[in-house]
Amino acid sequence: MEVLSTAQGDAHCPLPRVVKATQAAQPDRDLLLFMFGLTQGMRPQS
């Protein structure tokens, strides 16, 4: 069993340093339309 040390801290940061934390993540409009289409398709036929 290998135990990872937290001594290196920032070296294993999951977020890339290039990304600014102040920039809000904007969802892709095509993705939103696709998700909306999937939810509409799951309704039972009346």
C-alpha atoms as a PDB file:
ATOM      1  CA  MET A   1       0.000   0.000   0.000  1.00  0.00           C
ATOM      2  CA  GLU A   2       1.398   3.349  -1.076  1.00  0.00           C
ATOM      3  CA  VAL A   3       0.716   6.408   1.055  1.00  0.00           C
ATOM      4  CA  LEU A   4       0.848   9.726  -0.747  1.00  0.00           C
ATOM      5  CA  SER A   5       2.284  12.657   1.129  1.00  0.00           C
ATOM      6  CA  THR A   6       0.658  16.079   1.198  1.00  0.00           C
ATOM      7  CA  ALA A   7       4.050  17.757   1.566  1.00  0.00           C
ATOM      8  CA  GLN A   8       4.153  18.747  -2.114  1.00  0.00           C
ATOM      9  CA  GLY A   9       0.660  20.293  -1.923  1.00  0.00           C
ATOM     10  CA  ASP A  10       0.426  22.500  -5.009  1.00  0.00           C
ATOM     11  CA  ALA A  11       2.239  19.989  -7.212  1.00  0.00           C
ATOM     12  CA  HIS A  12      -0.841  17.753  -7.268  1.00  0.00           C
ATOM     13  CA  CYS A  13      -3.491  20.451  -7.661  1.00  0.00           C
ATOM     14  CA  PRO A  14      -6.323  19.036  -9.830  1.00  0.00           C
ATOM     15  CA  LEU A  15      -7.037  22.446 -11.403  1.00  0.00           C
ATOM     16  CA  PRO A  16      -4.672  23.809 -14.049  1.00  0.00           C
ATOM     17  CA  ARG A  17      -3.018  27.048 -13.009  1.00  0.00           C
ATOM     18  CA  VAL A  18      -3.951  28.669 -16.344  1.00  0.00           C
ATOM     19  CA  VAL A  19      -7.645  28.719 -15.464  1.00  0.00           C
ATOM     20  CA  LYS A  20      -8.660  31.829 -13.563  1.00  0.00           C
ATOM     21  CA  ALA A  21     -10.941  31.209 -10.587  1.00  0.00           C
ATOM     22  CA  THR A  22     -12.788  34.487 -11.203  1.00  0.00           C
ATOM     23  CA  GLN A  23     -13.979  33.372 -14.638  1.00  0.00           C
ATOM     24  CA  ALA A  24     -17.412  31.773 -14.348  1.00  0.00           C
ATOM     25  CA  ALA A  25     -17.961  28.547 -16.260  1.00  0.00           C
ATOM     26  CA  GLN A  26     -20.475  29.058 -19.060  1.00  0.00           C
ATOM     27  CA  PRO A  27     -22.310  25.934 -20.259  1.00  0.00           C
ATOM     28  CA  ASP A  28     -22.259  25.345 -23.985  1.00  0.00           C
ATOM     29  CA  ARG A  29     -25.562  26.320 -25.612  1.00  0.00           C
ATOM     30  CA  ASP A  30     -25.478  23.259 -27.875  1.00  0.00           C
ATOM     31  CA  LEU A  31     -25.048  21.035 -24.838  1.00  0.00           C
ATOM     32  CA  LEU A  32     -28.013  22.680 -23.108  1.00  0.00           C
ATOM     33  CA  LEU A  33     -30.184  22.166 -26.192  1.00  0.00           C
ATOM     34  CA  PHE A  34     -29.077  18.540 -26.422  1.00  0.00           C
ATOM     35  CA  MET A  35     -29.917  17.890 -22.763  1.00  0.00           C
ATOM     36  CA  PHE A  36     -33.283  19.604 -23.200  1.00  0.00           C
ATOM     37  CA  GLY A  37     -34.017  17.429 -26.235  1.00  0.00           C
ATOM     38  CA  LEU A  38     -33.174  14.296 -24.271  1.00  0.00           C
ATOM     39  CA  THR A  39     -35.523  15.247 -21.443  1.00  0.00           C
ATOM     40  CA  GLN A  40     -38.313  15.980 -23.906  1.00  0.00           C
ATOM     41  CA  GLY A  41     -37.798  12.598 -25.574  1.00  0.00           C
ATOM     42  CA  MET A  42     -38.148  10.707 -22.295  1.00  0.00           C
ATOM     43  CA  ARG A  43     -41.768  11.760 -21.768  1.00  0.00           C
ATOM     44  CA  PRO A  44     -44.338   8.995 -22.250  1.00  0.00           C
ATOM     45  CA  GLN A  45     -46.367   9.148 -25.428  1.00  0.00           C
ATOM     46  CA  SER A  46     -49.871  10.448 -24.720  1.00  0.00           C
END
